[in-house]
Amino acid sequence: MKLTTLCYLMKENQILMLHRVKKQQDLNQGKWIGVGGKFEKNESPDECAVREIKEETNLDINELIPRGIVTFCYNDDEPEYMHLFTCTDFTGEMTEDCAEGNLKWIELDQVMDLNLWEGDRIFLKLLIEDEPYFLLKLIYHNDVLLQAYLNGKRVH
């Protein structure tokens, strides 16, 4: 079982996005995503998110808001369970050099214009509209979203 976190930092009608362009053999190559990563041994979801955000952005998180769990099914790979968070309460100086890609603050009304996973559009809309905690299952074949289920109901 793959356990990961994904966090979207927000400020002044903007969302922090990571353009994944720096790593070789990256499933997310060329896509814009949030910050986060894989759990380390004995980490809780919030501990993982705080650590990953610090590593990727150099920002210190004062409060995380749990927003949902995304089950990411990709081809025949083992499913990935992404614990999804948002954060508006953070401090520090953001790094200019992230090993994962390029960090950029994007206006909320422009985020859907980015090169995103199709399923990310579903949960980003829920995050931006401040929907309550949700469960989302995304089933992909390569880059094509085959099916999506929100709280058990098919939405794609």
Protein backbone atom coordinates (compact mmCIF):
# COMPACT_ATOMS: atom_id res chain seq x y z
CA MET A 1 0.00 0.00 0.00
CA LYS A 2 1.35 3.42 -0.98
CA LEU A 3 0.60 6.20 1.50
CA THR A 4 1.25 9.81 0.55
CA THR A 5 0.22 13.35 1.38
CA LEU A 6 -0.71 16.20 -0.90
CA CYS A 7 -1.10 19.75 0.39
CA TYR A 8 -2.25 22.97 -1.22
CA LEU A 9 -1.10 26.16 0.49
CA MET A 10 -3.37 29.14 -0.08
CA LYS A 11 -3.03 32.89 0.42
CA GLU A 12 -4.77 36.00 -0.89
CA ASN A 13 -6.79 34.22 -3.62
CA GLN A 14 -3.72 32.23 -4.73
CA ILE A 15 -2.69 28.59 -4.46
CA LEU A 16 0.87 27.26 -4.36
CA MET A 17 1.50 24.83 -7.21
CA LEU A 18 4.55 22.73 -8.03
CA HIS A 19 5.43 22.30 -11.71
CA ARG A 20 7.09 18.88 -11.87
CA VAL A 21 9.92 19.38 -14.36
CA LYS A 22 13.14 18.40 -12.55
CA LYS A 23 13.08 14.66 -11.86
CA GLN A 24 13.75 11.86 -14.32
CA GLN A 25 11.21 9.00 -14.54
CA ASP A 26 8.54 11.13 -12.85
CA LEU A 27 4.91 9.99 -13.20
CA ASN A 28 3.97 13.66 -12.69
CA GLN A 29 6.44 14.98 -15.31
CA GLY A 30 5.19 18.27 -16.76
CA LYS A 31 2.11 18.38 -14.51
CA TRP A 32 1.25 20.97 -11.87
CA ILE A 33 0.45 19.46 -8.45
CA GLY A 34 0.51 20.37 -4.78
CA VAL A 35 3.40 19.64 -2.41
CA GLY A 36 3.75 16.43 -0.45
CA GLY A 37 5.16 12.96 -0.69
CA LYS A 38 5.54 9.50 0.76
CA PHE A 39 5.16 8.60 4.42
CA GLU A 40 8.31 7.71 6.32
CA LYS A 41 8.28 4.96 8.93
CA ASN A 42 5.91 5.67 11.85
CA GLU A 43 4.72 9.01 10.42
CA SER A 44 1.14 10.15 10.73
CA PRO A 45 -0.46 11.92 7.74
CA ASP A 46 -0.05 15.37 9.29
CA GLU A 47 3.58 14.71 10.27
CA CYS A 48 4.33 13.59 6.72
CA ALA A 49 2.64 16.65 5.21
CA VAL A 50 4.48 19.10 7.50
CA ARG A 51 7.84 17.44 6.79
CA GLU A 52 7.30 17.29 3.04
CA ILE A 53 6.13 20.91 2.88
CA LYS A 54 9.24 22.01 4.80
CA GLU A 55 11.52 19.95 2.51
CA GLU A 56 9.93 21.21 -0.71
CA THR A 57 9.09 24.84 0.15
CA ASN A 58 11.09 25.70 3.32
CA LEU A 59 7.82 26.99 4.84
CA ASP A 60 6.76 26.17 8.40
CA ILE A 61 3.18 24.98 8.82
CA ASN A 62 1.20 26.33 11.76
CA GLU A 63 -2.07 24.57 10.95
CA LEU A 64 -3.09 21.91 8.43
CA ILE A 65 -6.68 21.32 7.42
CA PRO A 66 -7.48 17.69 6.50
CA ARG A 67 -9.68 17.80 3.39
CA GLY A 68 -10.04 14.24 2.16
CA ILE A 69 -8.47 11.04 0.90
CA VAL A 70 -7.83 10.41 -2.78
CA THR A 71 -7.42 6.80 -3.91
CA PHE A 72 -5.23 7.00 -7.02
CA CYS A 73 -5.40 3.86 -9.20
CA TYR A 74 -2.90 3.96 -12.05
CA ASN A 75 -2.75 1.14 -14.59
CA ASP A 76 -1.94 -2.11 -12.75
CA ASP A 77 0.10 -0.37 -10.02
CA GLU A 78 -0.74 -0.75 -6.37
CA PRO A 79 -3.27 1.96 -5.37
CA GLU A 80 -1.93 5.11 -3.75
CA TYR A 81 -3.84 6.65 -0.85
CA MET A 82 -3.23 10.41 -0.77
CA HIS A 83 -4.16 12.28 2.36
CA LEU A 84 -5.24 15.68 1.08
CA PHE A 85 -4.69 18.89 3.07
CA THR A 86 -4.97 22.63 2.66
CA CYS A 87 -3.13 25.26 4.67
CA THR A 88 -3.53 29.00 5.03
CA ASP A 89 -1.47 29.41 8.20
CA PHE A 90 2.25 29.17 7.49
CA THR A 91 5.41 31.21 8.01
CA GLY A 92 8.91 31.47 6.64
CA GLU A 93 10.67 32.34 3.42
CA MET A 94 9.81 30.11 0.47
CA THR A 95 12.76 28.44 -1.22
CA GLU A 96 13.69 29.33 -4.79
CA ASP A 97 15.16 25.87 -5.37
CA CYS A 98 12.90 22.85 -4.99
CA ALA A 99 14.36 19.50 -6.10
CA GLU A 100 10.93 18.34 -7.30
CA GLY A 101 10.21 21.21 -9.70
CA ASN A 102 9.31 24.90 -9.79
CA LEU A 103 7.05 26.43 -7.13
CA LYS A 104 4.68 29.19 -8.17
CA TRP A 105 1.75 31.03 -6.64
CA ILE A 106 -1.19 30.79 -9.09
CA GLU A 107 -4.38 32.86 -9.02
CA LEU A 108 -7.32 30.61 -8.06
CA ASP A 109 -9.23 31.54 -11.22
CA GLN A 110 -6.25 30.45 -13.37
CA VAL A 111 -5.40 27.10 -11.76
CA MET A 112 -7.67 25.09 -14.09
CA ASP A 113 -5.72 26.46 -17.09
CA LEU A 114 -2.58 24.56 -15.95
CA ASN A 115 -1.47 21.13 -17.16
CA LEU A 116 -3.19 19.10 -14.41
CA TRP A 117 -4.19 15.49 -13.96
CA GLU A 118 -7.86 15.36 -14.98
CA GLY A 119 -8.83 13.98 -11.57
CA ASP A 120 -6.97 16.82 -9.83
CA ARG A 121 -9.45 19.20 -11.45
CA ILE A 122 -12.21 17.42 -9.51
CA PHE A 123 -10.61 17.77 -6.09
CA LEU A 124 -9.11 21.23 -6.71
CA LYS A 125 -12.62 22.51 -7.43
CA LEU A 126 -13.79 20.95 -4.13
CA LEU A 127 -10.87 22.54 -2.26
CA ILE A 128 -11.38 25.97 -3.81
CA GLU A 129 -15.12 25.85 -3.06
CA ASP A 130 -14.30 24.78 0.52
CA GLU A 131 -16.36 21.59 0.33
CA PRO A 132 -16.35 19.38 3.46
CA TYR A 133 -14.11 16.33 3.89
CA PHE A 134 -14.49 13.93 0.98
CA LEU A 135 -13.36 10.60 -0.44
CA LEU A 136 -12.39 10.50 -4.11
CA LYS A 137 -11.33 7.47 -6.14
CA LEU A 138 -9.60 8.07 -9.46
CA ILE A 139 -8.95 5.26 -11.94
CA TYR A 140 -6.44 5.97 -14.70
CA HIS A 141 -4.99 4.21 -17.70
CA ASN A 142 -1.78 6.15 -18.36
CA ASP A 143 -2.85 9.82 -18.48
CA VAL A 144 -6.52 9.08 -19.21
CA LEU A 145 -9.03 9.27 -16.36
CA LEU A 146 -11.34 6.28 -16.87
CA GLN A 147 -13.56 6.64 -13.81
CA ALA A 148 -13.96 8.89 -10.78
CA TYR A 149 -16.07 8.29 -7.67
CA LEU A 150 -16.81 11.07 -5.17
CA ASN A 151 -18.07 9.80 -1.81
CA GLY A 152 -19.02 6.52 -3.49
CA LYS A 153 -20.95 8.05 -6.42
CA ARG A 154 -19.60 7.98 -9.95
CA VAL A 155 -18.82 11.49 -11.23
CA HIS A 156 -16.81 10.55 -14.34
